[in-house]
Amino acid sequence: MTSSDTTAGPPSFRERVSAYLHEHPRLRRELYFAVGALGAGLIALPLLIFLAGSLTLGAYESGRLGAFLADFYGGLVRGWLPVWGVVLGPYALLLFLRSSRFILRRFLTPTGV
């Protein structure tokens, strides 16, 4: 048997997930939205909160941006609900807007006209 001899074994988990997402483009799109919204909640919102707080309230009590981010991500690890609200907020807003659009289309669109 040579090293170029390969027997097809069962597909790996990554290959199965990739094939599944390729077959379901809506799920893939939703996954992109979720990752983008969570990324915004983890990266952009803490920076904007620090900036807004610095401009309106003054310097952060523990120091600069690094101290704020350490407190923010520490709160995430500790399970502080306000921090988790900031992280999950963009995706929750996206779901709220989608469901509102669905309700408005469903119940306010005239039927049979």
PDB file of N, CA and C in Angstrom:
ATOM      1  N   MET A   1       0.850  -1.162   0.000  1.00  0.00           N
ATOM      2  CA  MET A   1       0.000   0.000   0.000  1.00  0.00           C
ATOM      3  C   MET A   1       0.902   1.233   0.000  1.00  0.00           C
ATOM      4  N   THR A   2       0.629   2.191  -0.852  1.00  0.00           N
ATOM      5  CA  THR A   2       1.437   3.404  -0.925  1.00  0.00           C
ATOM      6  C   THR A   2       0.710   4.555  -0.241  1.00  0.00           C
ATOM      7  N   SER A   3       1.431   5.664  -0.051  1.00  0.00           N
ATOM      8  CA  SER A   3       0.833   6.809   0.626  1.00  0.00           C
ATOM      9  C   SER A   3      -0.214   7.496  -0.249  1.00  0.00           C
ATOM     10  N   SER A   4      -0.151   7.243  -1.572  1.00  0.00           N
ATOM     11  CA  SER A   4      -1.156   7.846  -2.443  1.00  0.00           C
ATOM     12  C   SER A   4      -2.449   7.041  -2.436  1.00  0.00           C
ATOM     13  N   ASP A   5      -2.419   5.830  -1.854  1.00  0.00           N
ATOM     14  CA  ASP A   5      -3.632   5.032  -1.707  1.00  0.00           C
ATOM     15  C   ASP A   5      -4.470   5.615  -0.580  1.00  0.00           C
ATOM     16  N   THR A   6      -5.622   6.113  -0.928  1.00  0.00           N
ATOM     17  CA  THR A   6      -6.499   6.638   0.117  1.00  0.00           C
ATOM     18  C   THR A   6      -7.821   5.923   0.025  1.00  0.00           C
ATOM     19  N   THR A   7      -8.294   5.549   1.144  1.00  0.00           N
ATOM     20  CA  THR A   7      -9.623   4.956   1.197  1.00  0.00           C
ATOM     21  C   THR A   7     -10.566   6.016   1.725  1.00  0.00           C
ATOM     22  N   ALA A   8     -11.682   6.093   1.105  1.00  0.00           N
ATOM     23  CA  ALA A   8     -12.653   7.104   1.510  1.00  0.00           C
ATOM     24  C   ALA A   8     -13.306   6.672   2.811  1.00  0.00           C
ATOM     25  N   GLY A   9     -12.964   7.378   3.855  1.00  0.00           N
ATOM     26  CA  GLY A   9     -13.583   7.121   5.149  1.00  0.00           C
ATOM     27  C   GLY A   9     -14.823   7.985   5.292  1.00  0.00           C
ATOM     28  N   PRO A  10     -15.440   7.919   6.424  1.00  0.00           N
ATOM     29  CA  PRO A  10     -16.614   8.767   6.634  1.00  0.00           C
ATOM     30  C   PRO A  10     -16.197  10.245   6.626  1.00  0.00           C
ATOM     31  N   PRO A  11     -17.070  11.124   6.142  1.00  0.00           N
ATOM     32  CA  PRO A  11     -16.711  12.547   6.104  1.00  0.00           C
ATOM     33  C   PRO A  11     -16.560  13.108   7.509  1.00  0.00           C
ATOM     34  N   SER A  12     -15.673  14.068   7.632  1.00  0.00           N
ATOM     35  CA  SER A  12     -15.452  14.689   8.935  1.00  0.00           C
ATOM     36  C   SER A  12     -16.633  15.593   9.288  1.00  0.00           C
ATOM     37  N   PHE A  13     -16.664  16.016  10.527  1.00  0.00           N
ATOM     38  CA  PHE A  13     -17.726  16.896  10.998  1.00  0.00           C
ATOM     39  C   PHE A  13     -17.749  18.186  10.184  1.00  0.00           C
ATOM     40  N   ARG A  14     -16.582  18.738   9.922  1.00  0.00           N
ATOM     41  CA  ARG A  14     -16.479  19.975   9.152  1.00  0.00           C
ATOM     42  C   ARG A  14     -17.012  19.793   7.730  1.00  0.00           C
ATOM     43  N   GLU A  15     -16.707  18.671   7.122  1.00  0.00           N
ATOM     44  CA  GLU A  15     -17.205  18.397   5.771  1.00  0.00           C
ATOM     45  C   GLU A  15     -18.728  18.235   5.762  1.00  0.00           C
ATOM     46  N   ARG A  16     -19.259  17.567   6.791  1.00  0.00           N
ATOM     47  CA  ARG A  16     -20.707  17.398   6.873  1.00  0.00           C
ATOM     48  C   ARG A  16     -21.417  18.732   7.066  1.00  0.00           C
ATOM     49  N   VAL A  17     -20.863  19.585   7.938  1.00  0.00           N
ATOM     50  CA  VAL A  17     -21.468  20.900   8.177  1.00  0.00           C
ATOM     51  C   VAL A  17     -21.390  21.742   6.917  1.00  0.00           C
ATOM     52  N   SER A  18     -20.248  21.722   6.242  1.00  0.00           N
ATOM     53  CA  SER A  18     -20.080  22.486   5.010  1.00  0.00           C
ATOM     54  C   SER A  18     -21.078  22.042   3.949  1.00  0.00           C
ATOM     55  N   ALA A  19     -21.255  20.739   3.795  1.00  0.00           N
ATOM     56  CA  ALA A  19     -22.212  20.213   2.815  1.00  0.00           C
ATOM     57  C   ALA A  19     -23.636  20.605   3.192  1.00  0.00           C
ATOM     58  N   TYR A  20     -23.966  20.557   4.471  1.00  0.00           N
ATOM     59  CA  TYR A  20     -25.310  20.907   4.927  1.00  0.00           C
ATOM     60  C   TYR A  20     -25.603  22.382   4.659  1.00  0.00           C
ATOM     61  N   LEU A  21     -24.640  23.254   4.976  1.00  0.00           N
ATOM     62  CA  LEU A  21     -24.838  24.677   4.743  1.00  0.00           C
ATOM     63  C   LEU A  21     -24.897  25.007   3.253  1.00  0.00           C
ATOM     64  N   HIS A  22     -24.192  24.238   2.453  1.00  0.00           N
ATOM     65  CA  HIS A  22     -24.248  24.445   1.008  1.00  0.00           C
ATOM     66  C   HIS A  22     -25.624  24.087   0.464  1.00  0.00           C
ATOM     67  N   GLU A  23     -26.256  23.084   1.062  1.00  0.00           N
ATOM     68  CA  GLU A  23     -27.582  22.656   0.624  1.00  0.00           C
ATOM     69  C   GLU A  23     -28.694  23.567   1.152  1.00  0.00           C
ATOM     70  N   HIS A  24     -28.413  24.335   2.207  1.00  0.00           N
ATOM     71  CA  HIS A  24     -29.426  25.182   2.836  1.00  0.00           C
ATOM     72  C   HIS A  24     -28.933  26.637   2.859  1.00  0.00           C
ATOM     73  N   PRO A  25     -29.112  27.364   1.760  1.00  0.00           N
ATOM     74  CA  PRO A  25     -28.578  28.729   1.694  1.00  0.00           C
ATOM     75  C   PRO A  25     -29.231  29.695   2.683  1.00  0.00           C
ATOM     76  N   ARG A  26     -30.498  29.475   3.051  1.00  0.00           N
ATOM     77  CA  ARG A  26     -31.130  30.355   4.044  1.00  0.00           C
ATOM     78  C   ARG A  26     -30.461  30.220   5.400  1.00  0.00           C
ATOM     79  N   LEU A  27     -30.145  29.010   5.782  1.00  0.00           N
ATOM     80  CA  LEU A  27     -29.457  28.783   7.039  1.00  0.00           C
ATOM     81  C   LEU A  27     -28.060  29.387   7.007  1.00  0.00           C
ATOM     82  N   ARG A  28     -27.395  29.269   5.885  1.00  0.00           N
ATOM     83  CA  ARG A  28     -26.058  29.858   5.740  1.00  0.00           C
ATOM     84  C   ARG A  28     -26.140  31.376   5.865  1.00  0.00           C
ATOM     85  N   ARG A  29     -27.147  31.982   5.232  1.00  0.00           N
ATOM     86  CA  ARG A  29     -27.323  33.434   5.320  1.00  0.00           C
ATOM     87  C   ARG A  29     -27.613  33.850   6.760  1.00  0.00           C
ATOM     88  N   GLU A  30     -28.459  33.088   7.440  1.00  0.00           N
ATOM     89  CA  GLU A  30     -28.772  33.395   8.835  1.00  0.00           C
ATOM     90  C   GLU A  30     -27.528  33.278   9.714  1.00  0.00           C
ATOM     91  N   LEU A  31     -26.702  32.300   9.438  1.00  0.00           N
ATOM     92  CA  LEU A  31     -25.457  32.141  10.182  1.00  0.00           C
ATOM     93  C   LEU A  31     -24.537  33.343   9.963  1.00  0.00           C
ATOM     94  N   TYR A  32     -24.473  33.845   8.735  1.00  0.00           N
ATOM     95  CA  TYR A  32     -23.676  35.045   8.461  1.00  0.00           C
ATOM     96  C   TYR A  32     -24.215  36.247   9.235  1.00  0.00           C
ATOM     97  N   PHE A  33     -25.536  36.415   9.243  1.00  0.00           N
ATOM     98  CA  PHE A  33     -26.133  37.514   9.994  1.00  0.00           C
ATOM     99  C   PHE A  33     -25.822  37.386  11.485  1.00  0.00           C
ATOM    100  N   ALA A  34     -25.954  36.180  12.023  1.00  0.00           N
ATOM    101  CA  ALA A  34     -25.709  35.967  13.451  1.00  0.00           C
ATOM    102  C   ALA A  34     -24.252  36.248  13.809  1.00  0.00           C
ATOM    103  N   VAL A  35     -23.336  35.759  13.000  1.00  0.00           N
ATOM    104  CA  VAL A  35     -21.915  36.000  13.280  1.00  0.00           C
ATOM    105  C   VAL A  35     -21.597  37.487  13.175  1.00  0.00           C
ATOM    106  N   GLY A  36     -22.152  38.158  12.175  1.00  0.00           N
ATOM    107  CA  GLY A  36     -21.926  39.595  12.037  1.00  0.00           C
ATOM    108  C   GLY A  36     -22.491  40.386  13.204  1.00  0.00           C
ATOM    109  N   ALA A  37     -23.711  40.048  13.627  1.00  0.00           N
ATOM    110  CA  ALA A  37     -24.336  40.759  14.740  1.00  0.00           C
ATOM    111  C   ALA A  37     -23.595  40.497  16.049  1.00  0.00           C
ATOM    112  N   LEU A  38     -23.186  39.254  16.274  1.00  0.00           N
ATOM    113  CA  LEU A  38     -22.434  38.945  17.490  1.00  0.00           C
ATOM    114  C   LEU A  38     -21.053  39.599  17.461  1.00  0.00           C
ATOM    115  N   GLY A  39     -20.456  39.663  16.276  1.00  0.00           N
ATOM    116  CA  GLY A  39     -19.177  40.362  16.147  1.00  0.00           C
ATOM    117  C   GLY A  39     -19.318  41.837  16.465  1.00  0.00           C
ATOM    118  N   ALA A  40     -20.408  42.444  15.996  1.00  0.00           N
ATOM    119  CA  ALA A  40     -20.654  43.852  16.320  1.00  0.00           C
ATOM    120  C   ALA A  40     -20.860  44.032  17.819  1.00  0.00           C
ATOM    121  N   GLY A  41     -21.572  43.102  18.444  1.00  0.00           N
ATOM    122  CA  GLY A  41     -21.793  43.187  19.887  1.00  0.00           C
ATOM    123  C   GLY A  41     -20.540  42.947  20.701  1.00  0.00           C
ATOM    124  N   LEU A  42     -19.634  42.160  20.175  1.00  0.00           N
ATOM    125  CA  LEU A  42     -18.392  41.873  20.903  1.00  0.00           C
ATOM    126  C   LEU A  42     -17.291  42.900  20.655  1.00  0.00           C
ATOM    127  N   ILE A  43     -17.304  43.539  19.488  1.00  0.00           N
ATOM    128  CA  ILE A  43     -16.192  44.427  19.134  1.00  0.00           C
ATOM    129  C   ILE A  43     -16.634  45.884  19.023  1.00  0.00           C
ATOM    130  N   ALA A  44     -17.620  46.158  18.163  1.00  0.00           N
ATOM    131  CA  ALA A  44     -17.976  47.547  17.881  1.00  0.00           C
ATOM    132  C   ALA A  44     -18.709  48.220  19.044  1.00  0.00           C
ATOM    133  N   LEU A  45     -19.683  47.555  19.623  1.00  0.00           N
ATOM    134  CA  LEU A  45     -20.462  48.195  20.679  1.00  0.00           C
ATOM    135  C   LEU A  45     -19.645  48.539  21.922  1.00  0.00           C
ATOM    136  N   PRO A  46     -18.760  47.672  22.413  1.00  0.00           N
ATOM    137  CA  PRO A  46     -17.955  48.092  23.561  1.00  0.00           C
ATOM    138  C   PRO A  46     -17.115  49.342  23.264  1.00  0.00           C
ATOM    139  N   LEU A  47     -16.577  49.425  22.052  1.00  0.00           N
ATOM    140  CA  LEU A  47     -15.786  50.605  21.694  1.00  0.00           C
ATOM    141  C   LEU A  47     -16.662  51.848  21.634  1.00  0.00           C
ATOM    142  N   LEU A  48     -17.857  51.718  21.070  1.00  0.00           N
ATOM    143  CA  LEU A  48     -18.775  52.856  21.008  1.00  0.00           C
ATOM    144  C   LEU A  48     -19.266  53.264  22.395  1.00  0.00           C
ATOM    145  N   ILE A  49     -19.499  52.299  23.261  1.00  0.00           N
ATOM    146  CA  ILE A  49     -19.921  52.601  24.633  1.00  0.00           C
ATOM    147  C   ILE A  49     -18.814  53.353  25.362  1.00  0.00           C
ATOM    148  N   PHE A  50     -17.577  52.899  25.199  1.00  0.00           N
ATOM    149  CA  PHE A  50     -16.457  53.593  25.830  1.00  0.00           C
ATOM    150  C   PHE A  50     -16.336  55.016  25.299  1.00  0.00           C
ATOM    151  N   LEU A  51     -16.440  55.177  23.993  1.00  0.00           N
ATOM    152  CA  LEU A  51     -16.327  56.499  23.388  1.00  0.00           C
ATOM    153  C   LEU A  51     -17.439  57.429  23.868  1.00  0.00           C
ATOM    154  N   ALA A  52     -18.676  56.951  23.844  1.00  0.00           N
ATOM    155  CA  ALA A  52     -19.799  57.779  24.294  1.00  0.00           C
ATOM    156  C   ALA A  52     -19.671  58.132  25.775  1.00  0.00           C
ATOM    157  N   GLY A  53     -19.262  57.167  26.579  1.00  0.00           N
ATOM    158  CA  GLY A  53     -19.091  57.436  28.000  1.00  0.00           C
ATOM    159  C   GLY A  53     -17.963  58.411  28.273  1.00  0.00           C
ATOM    160  N   SER A  54     -16.881  58.302  27.528  1.00  0.00           N
ATOM    161  CA  SER A  54     -15.755  59.220  27.706  1.00  0.00           C
ATOM    162  C   SER A  54     -16.126  60.644  27.325  1.00  0.00           C
ATOM    163  N   LEU A  55     -16.896  60.781  26.250  1.00  0.00           N
ATOM    164  CA  LEU A  55     -17.269  62.119  25.786  1.00  0.00           C
ATOM    165  C   LEU A  55     -18.317  62.777  26.674  1.00  0.00           C
ATOM    166  N   THR A  56     -19.217  61.986  27.232  1.00  0.00           N
ATOM    167  CA  THR A  56     -20.306  62.575  28.011  1.00  0.00           C
ATOM    168  C   THR A  56     -20.048  62.567  29.510  1.00  0.00           C
ATOM    169  N   LEU A  57     -19.419  61.516  30.029  1.00  0.00           N
ATOM    170  CA  LEU A  57     -19.244  61.377  31.471  1.00  0.00           C
ATOM    171  C   LEU A  57     -17.825  61.642  31.948  1.00  0.00           C
ATOM    172  N   GLY A  58     -16.888  61.684  31.042  1.00  0.00           N
ATOM    173  CA  GLY A  58     -15.496  61.898  31.431  1.00  0.00           C
ATOM    174  C   GLY A  58     -14.723  60.593  31.397  1.00  0.00           C
ATOM    175  N   ALA A  59     -13.543  60.631  31.961  1.00  0.00           N
ATOM    176  CA  ALA A  59     -12.635  59.484  31.927  1.00  0.00           C
ATOM    177  C   ALA A  59     -13.227  58.289  32.666  1.00  0.00           C
ATOM    178  N   TYR A  60     -12.888  57.109  32.175  1.00  0.00           N
ATOM    179  CA  TYR A  60     -13.324  55.860  32.812  1.00  0.00           C
ATOM    180  C   TYR A  60     -12.619  55.735  34.160  1.00  0.00           C
ATOM    181  N   GLU A  61     -13.318  55.286  35.183  1.00  0.00           N
ATOM    182  CA  GLU A  61     -12.773  55.319  36.543  1.00  0.00           C
ATOM    183  C   GLU A  61     -11.548  54.421  36.739  1.00  0.00           C
ATOM    184  N   SER A  62     -11.495  53.293  36.035  1.00  0.00           N
ATOM    185  CA  SER A  62     -10.366  52.373  36.225  1.00  0.00           C
ATOM    186  C   SER A  62      -9.193  52.674  35.306  1.00  0.00           C
ATOM    187  N   GLY A  63      -9.346  53.592  34.410  1.00  0.00           N
ATOM    188  CA  GLY A  63      -8.247  53.885  33.500  1.00  0.00           C
ATOM    189  C   GLY A  63      -8.733  54.173  32.105  1.00  0.00           C
ATOM    190  N   ARG A  64      -8.055  53.616  31.148  1.00  0.00           N
ATOM    191  CA  ARG A  64      -8.345  53.905  29.750  1.00  0.00           C
ATOM    192  C   ARG A  64      -9.135  52.767  29.101  1.00  0.00           C
ATOM    193  N   LEU A  65      -9.060  52.716  27.766  1.00  0.00           N
ATOM    194  CA  LEU A  65      -9.827  51.749  26.989  1.00  0.00           C
ATOM    195  C   LEU A  65      -9.507  50.315  27.381  1.00  0.00           C
ATOM    196  N   GLY A  66      -8.244  50.009  27.602  1.00  0.00           N
ATOM    197  CA  GLY A  66      -7.854  48.646  27.971  1.00  0.00           C
ATOM    198  C   GLY A  66      -8.524  48.186  29.250  1.00  0.00           C
ATOM    199  N   ALA A  67      -8.606  49.066  30.234  1.00  0.00           N
ATOM    200  CA  ALA A  67      -9.261  48.712  31.499  1.00  0.00           C
ATOM    201  C   ALA A  67     -10.755  48.500  31.289  1.00  0.00           C
ATOM    202  N   PHE A  68     -11.357  49.351  30.461  1.00  0.00           N
ATOM    203  CA  PHE A  68     -12.785  49.185  30.176  1.00  0.00           C
ATOM    204  C   PHE A  68     -13.053  47.850  29.491  1.00  0.00           C
ATOM    205  N   LEU A  69     -12.234  47.537  28.466  1.00  0.00           N
ATOM    206  CA  LEU A  69     -12.435  46.275  27.750  1.00  0.00           C
ATOM    207  C   LEU A  69     -12.197  45.079  28.665  1.00  0.00           C
ATOM    208  N   ALA A  70     -11.204  45.183  29.559  1.00  0.00           N
ATOM    209  CA  ALA A  70     -10.964  44.093  30.513  1.00  0.00           C
ATOM    210  C   ALA A  70     -12.176  43.906  31.420  1.00  0.00           C
ATOM    211  N   ASP A  71     -12.761  45.002  31.874  1.00  0.00           N
ATOM    212  CA  ASP A  71     -13.965  44.904  32.704  1.00  0.00           C
ATOM    213  C   ASP A  71     -15.146  44.359  31.902  1.00  0.00           C
ATOM    214  N   PHE A  72     -15.274  44.804  30.652  1.00  0.00           N
ATOM    215  CA  PHE A  72     -16.386  44.356  29.808  1.00  0.00           C
ATOM    216  C   PHE A  72     -16.301  42.853  29.552  1.00  0.00           C
ATOM    217  N   TYR A  73     -15.149  42.390  29.068  1.00  0.00           N
ATOM    218  CA  TYR A  73     -15.019  40.965  28.761  1.00  0.00           C
ATOM    219  C   TYR A  73     -14.974  40.120  30.030  1.00  0.00           C
ATOM    220  N   GLY A  74     -14.482  40.696  31.130  1.00  0.00           N
ATOM    221  CA  GLY A  74     -14.562  40.004  32.414  1.00  0.00           C
ATOM    222  C   GLY A  74     -16.003  39.821  32.845  1.00  0.00           C
ATOM    223  N   GLY A  75     -16.826  40.845  32.621  1.00  0.00           N
ATOM    224  CA  GLY A  75     -18.254  40.738  32.923  1.00  0.00           C
ATOM    225  C   GLY A  75     -18.941  39.709  32.044  1.00  0.00           C
ATOM    226  N   LEU A  76     -18.470  39.580  30.820  1.00  0.00           N
ATOM    227  CA  LEU A  76     -19.014  38.563  29.919  1.00  0.00           C
ATOM    228  C   LEU A  76     -18.730  37.167  30.471  1.00  0.00           C
ATOM    229  N   VAL A  77     -17.505  36.970  30.936  1.00  0.00           N
ATOM    230  CA  VAL A  77     -17.122  35.667  31.502  1.00  0.00           C
ATOM    231  C   VAL A  77     -17.876  35.400  32.799  1.00  0.00           C
ATOM    232  N   ARG A  78     -18.086  36.444  33.592  1.00  0.00           N
ATOM    233  CA  ARG A  78     -18.786  36.278  34.868  1.00  0.00           C
ATOM    234  C   ARG A  78     -20.291  36.127  34.711  1.00  0.00           C
ATOM    235  N   GLY A  79     -20.804  36.382  33.504  1.00  0.00           N
ATOM    236  CA  GLY A  79     -22.229  36.209  33.257  1.00  0.00           C
ATOM    237  C   GLY A  79     -23.073  37.410  33.632  1.00  0.00           C
ATOM    238  N   TRP A  80     -22.504  38.597  33.624  1.00  0.00           N
ATOM    239  CA  TRP A  80     -23.280  39.791  33.941  1.00  0.00           C
ATOM    240  C   TRP A  80     -24.297  40.027  32.834  1.00  0.00           C
ATOM    241  N   LEU A  81     -25.559  40.122  33.211  1.00  0.00           N
ATOM    242  CA  LEU A  81     -26.632  40.256  32.221  1.00  0.00           C
ATOM    243  C   LEU A  81     -26.529  41.525  31.371  1.00  0.00           C
ATOM    244  N   PRO A  82     -26.166  42.695  31.938  1.00  0.00           N
ATOM    245  CA  PRO A  82     -26.050  43.873  31.060  1.00  0.00           C
ATOM    246  C   PRO A  82     -24.993  43.693  29.964  1.00  0.00           C
ATOM    247  N   VAL A  83     -23.901  43.038  30.284  1.00  0.00           N
ATOM    248  CA  VAL A  83     -22.850  42.813  29.286  1.00  0.00           C
ATOM    249  C   VAL A  83     -23.361  41.850  28.219  1.00  0.00           C
ATOM    250  N   TRP A  84     -24.039  40.795  28.634  1.00  0.00           N
ATOM    251  CA  TRP A  84     -24.608  39.866  27.659  1.00  0.00           C
ATOM    252  C   TRP A  84     -25.688  40.540  26.821  1.00  0.00           C
ATOM    253  N   GLY A  85     -26.409  41.493  27.420  1.00  0.00           N
ATOM    254  CA  GLY A  85     -27.395  42.254  26.663  1.00  0.00           C
ATOM    255  C   GLY A  85     -26.753  43.080  25.564  1.00  0.00           C
ATOM    256  N   VAL A  86     -25.586  43.652  25.858  1.00  0.00           N
ATOM    257  CA  VAL A  86     -24.856  44.417  24.843  1.00  0.00           C
ATOM    258  C   VAL A  86     -24.396  43.493  23.723  1.00  0.00           C
ATOM    259  N   VAL A  87     -23.880  42.331  24.072  1.00  0.00           N
ATOM    260  CA  VAL A  87     -23.356  41.406  23.065  1.00  0.00           C
ATOM    261  C   VAL A  87     -24.473  40.833  22.197  1.00  0.00           C
ATOM    262  N   LEU A  88     -25.579  40.451  22.815  1.00  0.00           N
ATOM    263  CA  LEU A  88     -26.675  39.829  22.070  1.00  0.00           C
ATOM    264  C   LEU A  88     -27.657  40.847  21.497  1.00  0.00           C
ATOM    265  N   GLY A  89     -27.525  42.107  21.894  1.00  0.00           N
ATOM    266  CA  GLY A  89     -28.449  43.149  21.466  1.00  0.00           C
ATOM    267  C   GLY A  89     -28.583  43.312  19.959  1.00  0.00           C
ATOM    268  N   PRO A  90     -27.486  43.370  19.195  1.00  0.00           N
ATOM    269  CA  PRO A  90     -27.647  43.543  17.745  1.00  0.00           C
ATOM    270  C   PRO A  90     -28.427  42.405  17.088  1.00  0.00           C
ATOM    271  N   TYR A  91     -28.192  41.181  17.508  1.00  0.00           N
ATOM    272  CA  TYR A  91     -28.929  40.066  16.918  1.00  0.00           C
ATOM    273  C   TYR A  91     -30.387  40.089  17.363  1.00  0.00           C
ATOM    274  N   ALA A  92     -30.632  40.454  18.628  1.00  0.00           N
ATOM    275  CA  ALA A  92     -32.003  40.576  19.111  1.00  0.00           C
ATOM    276  C   ALA A  92     -32.745  41.666  18.343  1.00  0.00           C
ATOM    277  N   LEU A  93     -32.064  42.781  18.063  1.00  0.00           N
ATOM    278  CA  LEU A  93     -32.682  43.845  17.275  1.00  0.00           C
ATOM    279  C   LEU A  93     -33.001  43.360  15.863  1.00  0.00           C
ATOM    280  N   LEU A  94     -32.098  42.624  15.274  1.00  0.00           N
ATOM    281  CA  LEU A  94     -32.339  42.074  13.942  1.00  0.00           C
ATOM    282  C   LEU A  94     -33.550  41.145  13.942  1.00  0.00           C
ATOM    283  N   LEU A  95     -33.657  40.278  14.938  1.00  0.00           N
ATOM    284  CA  LEU A  95     -34.811  39.372  15.030  1.00  0.00           C
ATOM    285  C   LEU A  95     -36.104  40.148  15.254  1.00  0.00           C
ATOM    286  N   PHE A  96     -36.039  41.202  16.080  1.00  0.00           N
ATOM    287  CA  PHE A  96     -37.222  42.022  16.325  1.00  0.00           C
ATOM    288  C   PHE A  96     -37.684  42.708  15.041  1.00  0.00           C
ATOM    289  N   LEU A  97     -36.747  43.273  14.295  1.00  0.00           N
ATOM    290  CA  LEU A  97     -37.111  43.947  13.045  1.00  0.00           C
ATOM    291  C   LEU A  97     -37.683  42.967  12.027  1.00  0.00           C
ATOM    292  N   ARG A  98     -37.116  41.785  11.946  1.00  0.00           N
ATOM    293  CA  ARG A  98     -37.648  40.779  11.023  1.00  0.00           C
ATOM    294  C   ARG A  98     -39.049  40.344  11.413  1.00  0.00           C
ATOM    295  N   SER A  99     -39.254  40.097  12.700  1.00  0.00           N
ATOM    296  CA  SER A  99     -40.582  39.655  13.127  1.00  0.00           C
ATOM    297  C   SER A  99     -41.600  40.779  12.969  1.00  0.00           C
ATOM    298  N   SER A 100     -41.193  42.025  13.193  1.00  0.00           N
ATOM    299  CA  SER A 100     -42.102  43.149  12.982  1.00  0.00           C
ATOM    300  C   SER A 100     -42.489  43.261  11.520  1.00  0.00           C
ATOM    301  N   ARG A 101     -41.525  43.119  10.645  1.00  0.00           N
ATOM    302  CA  ARG A 101     -41.815  43.161   9.211  1.00  0.00           C
ATOM    303  C   ARG A 101     -42.764  42.035   8.811  1.00  0.00           C
ATOM    304  N   PHE A 102     -42.540  40.845   9.359  1.00  0.00           N
ATOM    305  CA  PHE A 102     -43.408  39.715   9.063  1.00  0.00           C
ATOM    306  C   PHE A 102     -44.836  39.998   9.526  1.00  0.00           C
ATOM    307  N   ILE A 103     -44.978  40.516  10.743  1.00  0.00           N
ATOM    308  CA  ILE A 103     -46.311  40.797  11.284  1.00  0.00           C
ATOM    309  C   ILE A 103     -47.003  41.875  10.461  1.00  0.00           C
ATOM    310  N   LEU A 104     -46.265  42.922  10.121  1.00  0.00           N
ATOM    311  CA  LEU A 104     -46.873  43.990   9.328  1.00  0.00           C
ATOM    312  C   LEU A 104     -47.305  43.494   7.957  1.00  0.00           C
ATOM    313  N   ARG A 105     -46.489  42.688   7.327  1.00  0.00           N
ATOM    314  CA  ARG A 105     -46.853  42.150   6.013  1.00  0.00           C
ATOM    315  C   ARG A 105     -48.024  41.188   6.117  1.00  0.00           C
ATOM    316  N   ARG A 106     -48.029  40.396   7.160  1.00  0.00           N
ATOM    317  CA  ARG A 106     -49.052  39.364   7.323  1.00  0.00           C
ATOM    318  C   ARG A 106     -50.428  39.951   7.624  1.00  0.00           C
ATOM    319  N   PHE A 107     -50.463  40.947   8.503  1.00  0.00           N
ATOM    320  CA  PHE A 107     -51.752  41.422   8.974  1.00  0.00           C
ATOM    321  C   PHE A 107     -52.199  42.759   8.377  1.00  0.00           C
ATOM    322  N   LEU A 108     -51.312  43.502   7.777  1.00  0.00           N
ATOM    323  CA  LEU A 108     -51.709  44.794   7.233  1.00  0.00           C
ATOM    324  C   LEU A 108     -51.768  44.817   5.710  1.00  0.00           C
ATOM    325  N   THR A 109     -51.342  43.750   5.084  1.00  0.00           N
ATOM    326  CA  THR A 109     -51.410  43.682   3.637  1.00  0.00           C
ATOM    327  C   THR A 109     -52.808  43.223   3.244  1.00  0.00           C
ATOM    328  N   PRO A 110     -53.476  43.976   2.357  1.00  0.00           N
ATOM    329  CA  PRO A 110     -54.820  43.553   1.944  1.00  0.00           C
ATOM    330  C   PRO A 110     -54.736  42.259   1.122  1.00  0.00           C
ATOM    331  N   THR A 111     -55.652  41.365   1.403  1.00  0.00           N
ATOM    332  CA  THR A 111     -55.690  40.095   0.678  1.00  0.00           C
ATOM    333  C   THR A 111     -56.932  40.066  -0.195  1.00  0.00           C
ATOM    334  N   GLY A 112     -56.812  39.409  -1.296  1.00  0.00           N
ATOM    335  CA  GLY A 112     -57.954  39.246  -2.189  1.00  0.00           C
ATOM    336  C   GLY A 112     -58.236  40.462  -3.035  1.00  0.00           C
ATOM    337  N   VAL A 113     -57.339  41.415  -3.071  1.00  0.00           N
ATOM    338  CA  VAL A 113     -57.590  42.621  -3.857  1.00  0.00           C
ATOM    339  C   VAL A 113     -56.937  42.487  -5.206  1.00  0.00           C
TER     340      VAL A 113
END
